[in-house]
C-alpha atoms as a PDB file:
ATOM      1  CA  MET A   1       7.596  22.517   8.580  1.00  0.00           C
ATOM      2  CA  ARG A   2       8.977  21.269  11.359  1.00  0.00           C
ATOM      3  CA  VAL A   3      12.441  19.622  10.230  1.00  0.00           C
ATOM      4  CA  ILE A   4      14.627  16.581  11.655  1.00  0.00           C
ATOM      5  CA  ARG A   5      18.530  16.428  10.052  1.00  0.00           C
ATOM      6  CA  LYS A   6      19.320  13.179   8.917  1.00  0.00           C
ATOM      7  CA  GLN A   7      22.180  11.463   7.793  1.00  0.00           C
ATOM      8  CA  THR A   8      22.399   8.428   5.538  1.00  0.00           C
ATOM      9  CA  TYR A   9      24.551   6.850   2.524  1.00  0.00           C
ATOM     10  CA  LEU A  10      23.275   7.437  -1.109  1.00  0.00           C
ATOM     11  CA  THR A  11      24.803   5.711  -3.887  1.00  0.00           C
ATOM     12  CA  ALA A  12      26.996   7.413  -6.880  1.00  0.00           C
ATOM     13  CA  TRP A  13      24.218   6.662  -9.243  1.00  0.00           C
ATOM     14  CA  GLN A  14      21.275   7.503  -6.481  1.00  0.00           C
ATOM     15  CA  ASP A  15      23.423  10.801  -5.694  1.00  0.00           C
ATOM     16  CA  ALA A  16      23.464  11.478  -9.543  1.00  0.00           C
ATOM     17  CA  ARG A  17      20.204  11.377 -10.196  1.00  0.00           C
ATOM     18  CA  ILE A  18      18.494  13.226  -6.996  1.00  0.00           C
ATOM     19  CA  LYS A  19      21.062  16.490  -7.839  1.00  0.00           C
ATOM     20  CA  ARG A  20      19.967  16.123 -12.014  1.00  0.00           C
ATOM     21  CA  ILE A  21      16.435  16.392 -10.169  1.00  0.00           C
ATOM     22  CA  ALA A  22      17.447  19.344  -8.628  1.00  0.00           C
ATOM     23  CA  ALA A  23      18.554  21.492 -10.485  1.00  0.00           C
ATOM     24  CA  ARG A  24      15.989  20.545 -13.242  1.00  0.00           C
ATOM     25  CA  ARG A  25      12.749  21.846 -10.983  1.00  0.00           C
ATOM     26  CA  GLY A  26      15.131  24.634  -9.731  1.00  0.00           C
ATOM     27  CA  VAL A  27      14.780  22.810  -5.988  1.00  0.00           C
ATOM     28  CA  THR A  28      16.818  21.668  -3.305  1.00  0.00           C
ATOM     29  CA  GLU A  29      18.206  17.868  -2.845  1.00  0.00           C
ATOM     30  CA  ALA A  30      16.718  18.099   0.140  1.00  0.00           C
ATOM     31  CA  GLU A  31      13.179  18.825  -0.703  1.00  0.00           C
ATOM     32  CA  ILE A  32      13.691  15.966  -3.084  1.00  0.00           C
ATOM     33  CA  LEU A  33      14.761  12.976  -0.692  1.00  0.00           C
ATOM     34  CA  ARG A  34      11.728  14.323   1.522  1.00  0.00           C
ATOM     35  CA  GLU A  35       9.400  14.111  -1.392  1.00  0.00           C
ATOM     36  CA  ALA A  36       9.913  10.568  -2.121  1.00  0.00           C
ATOM     37  CA  VAL A  37      10.609   9.186   1.764  1.00  0.00           C
ATOM     38  CA  ASP A  38       6.884  10.815   1.864  1.00  0.00           C
ATOM     39  CA  PHE A  39       6.092   8.773  -1.267  1.00  0.00           C
ATOM     40  CA  TYR A  40       7.448   5.442   0.102  1.00  0.00           C
ATOM     41  CA  LEU A  41       5.731   6.372   2.786  1.00  0.00           C
ATOM     42  CA  ALA A  42       2.092   6.822   0.834  1.00  0.00           C
ATOM     43  CA  GLN A  43       2.784   3.036  -0.719  1.00  0.00           C
ATOM     44  CA  VAL A  44       3.594   1.378   2.977  1.00  0.00           C
ATOM     45  CA  GLU A  45       1.054   2.497   4.656  1.00  0.00           C
ATOM     46  CA  GLY A  46      -1.219   2.293   1.461  1.00  0.00           C
ATOM     47  CA  GLU A  47       0.200  -1.455   1.230  1.00  0.00           C
ATOM     48  CA  GLU A  48      -0.672  -2.024   4.920  1.00  0.00           C
ATOM     49  CA  GLU A  49      -4.400  -0.996   4.938  1.00  0.00           C
ATOM     50  CA  ARG A  50      -5.336  -3.020   1.985  1.00  0.00           C
ATOM     51  CA  GLY A  51      -3.478  -5.906   4.031  1.00  0.00           C
ATOM     52  CA  GLY A  52      -1.105  -6.656   1.456  1.00  0.00           C
ATOM     53  CA  ASP A  53       1.659  -6.153  -1.599  1.00  0.00           C
ATOM     54  CA  TRP A  54      -0.299  -5.302  -4.744  1.00  0.00           C
ATOM     55  CA  LEU A  55       3.011  -6.733  -6.153  1.00  0.00           C
ATOM     56  CA  ALA A  56       2.769  -9.558  -5.182  1.00  0.00           C
ATOM     57  CA  ASP A  57      -0.715  -9.757  -6.071  1.00  0.00           C
ATOM     58  CA  LEU A  58      -0.605  -8.985  -9.753  1.00  0.00           C
ATOM     59  CA  LEU A  59       2.332 -11.289  -9.772  1.00  0.00           C
ATOM     60  CA  GLY A  60      -0.243 -14.248  -7.834  1.00  0.00           C
ATOM     61  CA  ALA A  61      -3.060 -13.566 -10.940  1.00  0.00           C
ATOM     62  CA  PHE A  62      -0.920 -15.818 -12.744  1.00  0.00           C
ATOM     63  CA  THR A  63       0.179 -18.279 -10.858  1.00  0.00           C
ATOM     64  CA  ALA A  64      -3.166 -18.249  -9.126  1.00  0.00           C
ATOM     65  CA  GLY A  65      -4.718 -21.597 -11.473  1.00  0.00           C
ATOM     66  CA  VAL A  66      -6.844 -18.820 -12.888  1.00  0.00           C
ATOM     67  CA  PRO A  67      -6.577 -20.230 -16.544  1.00  0.00           C
ATOM     68  CA  ASP A  68      -6.957 -16.707 -18.401  1.00  0.00           C
ATOM     69  CA  GLY A  69      -5.495 -13.922 -16.349  1.00  0.00           C
ATOM     70  CA  SER A  70      -7.574 -11.480 -17.331  1.00  0.00           C
ATOM     71  CA  GLU A  71     -10.435 -12.706 -15.640  1.00  0.00           C
ATOM     72  CA  VAL A  72      -9.097 -10.969 -12.921  1.00  0.00           C
ATOM     73  CA  VAL A  73      -6.685  -8.183 -13.825  1.00  0.00           C
ATOM     74  CA  ASP A  74      -9.361  -5.272 -13.981  1.00  0.00           C
ATOM     75  CA  GLU A  75      -9.720  -6.026  -9.911  1.00  0.00           C
ATOM     76  CA  ILE A  76      -5.862  -5.454  -9.808  1.00  0.00           C
ATOM     77  CA  TYR A  77      -5.474  -2.473 -12.161  1.00  0.00           C
ATOM     78  CA  ARG A  78      -8.956  -0.566  -9.366  1.00  0.00           C
ATOM     79  CA  ARG A  79      -6.807  -1.252  -6.417  1.00  0.00           C
ATOM     80  CA  PRO A  80      -4.756   2.034  -5.476  1.00  0.00           C
ATOM     81  CA  PHE A  81      -1.062   1.710  -5.720  1.00  0.00           C
END
């Protein structure tokens, strides 16, 4: 795998969490960050393919004029994250 060096700033909270997860899993902090970026990118690309934001869709179910949200909740939960 070819990698490209990037430099960024993290909060102290983020840094501590990444260190703890990396230590627990026995991998580098860089591996945790790459996995997090991969996860985020998959979510964003999935939203674009679905044509929207699943969270906004879920919240919209409660304000869309549907008297009982149970009428649409199954459809929303079937969507891939």
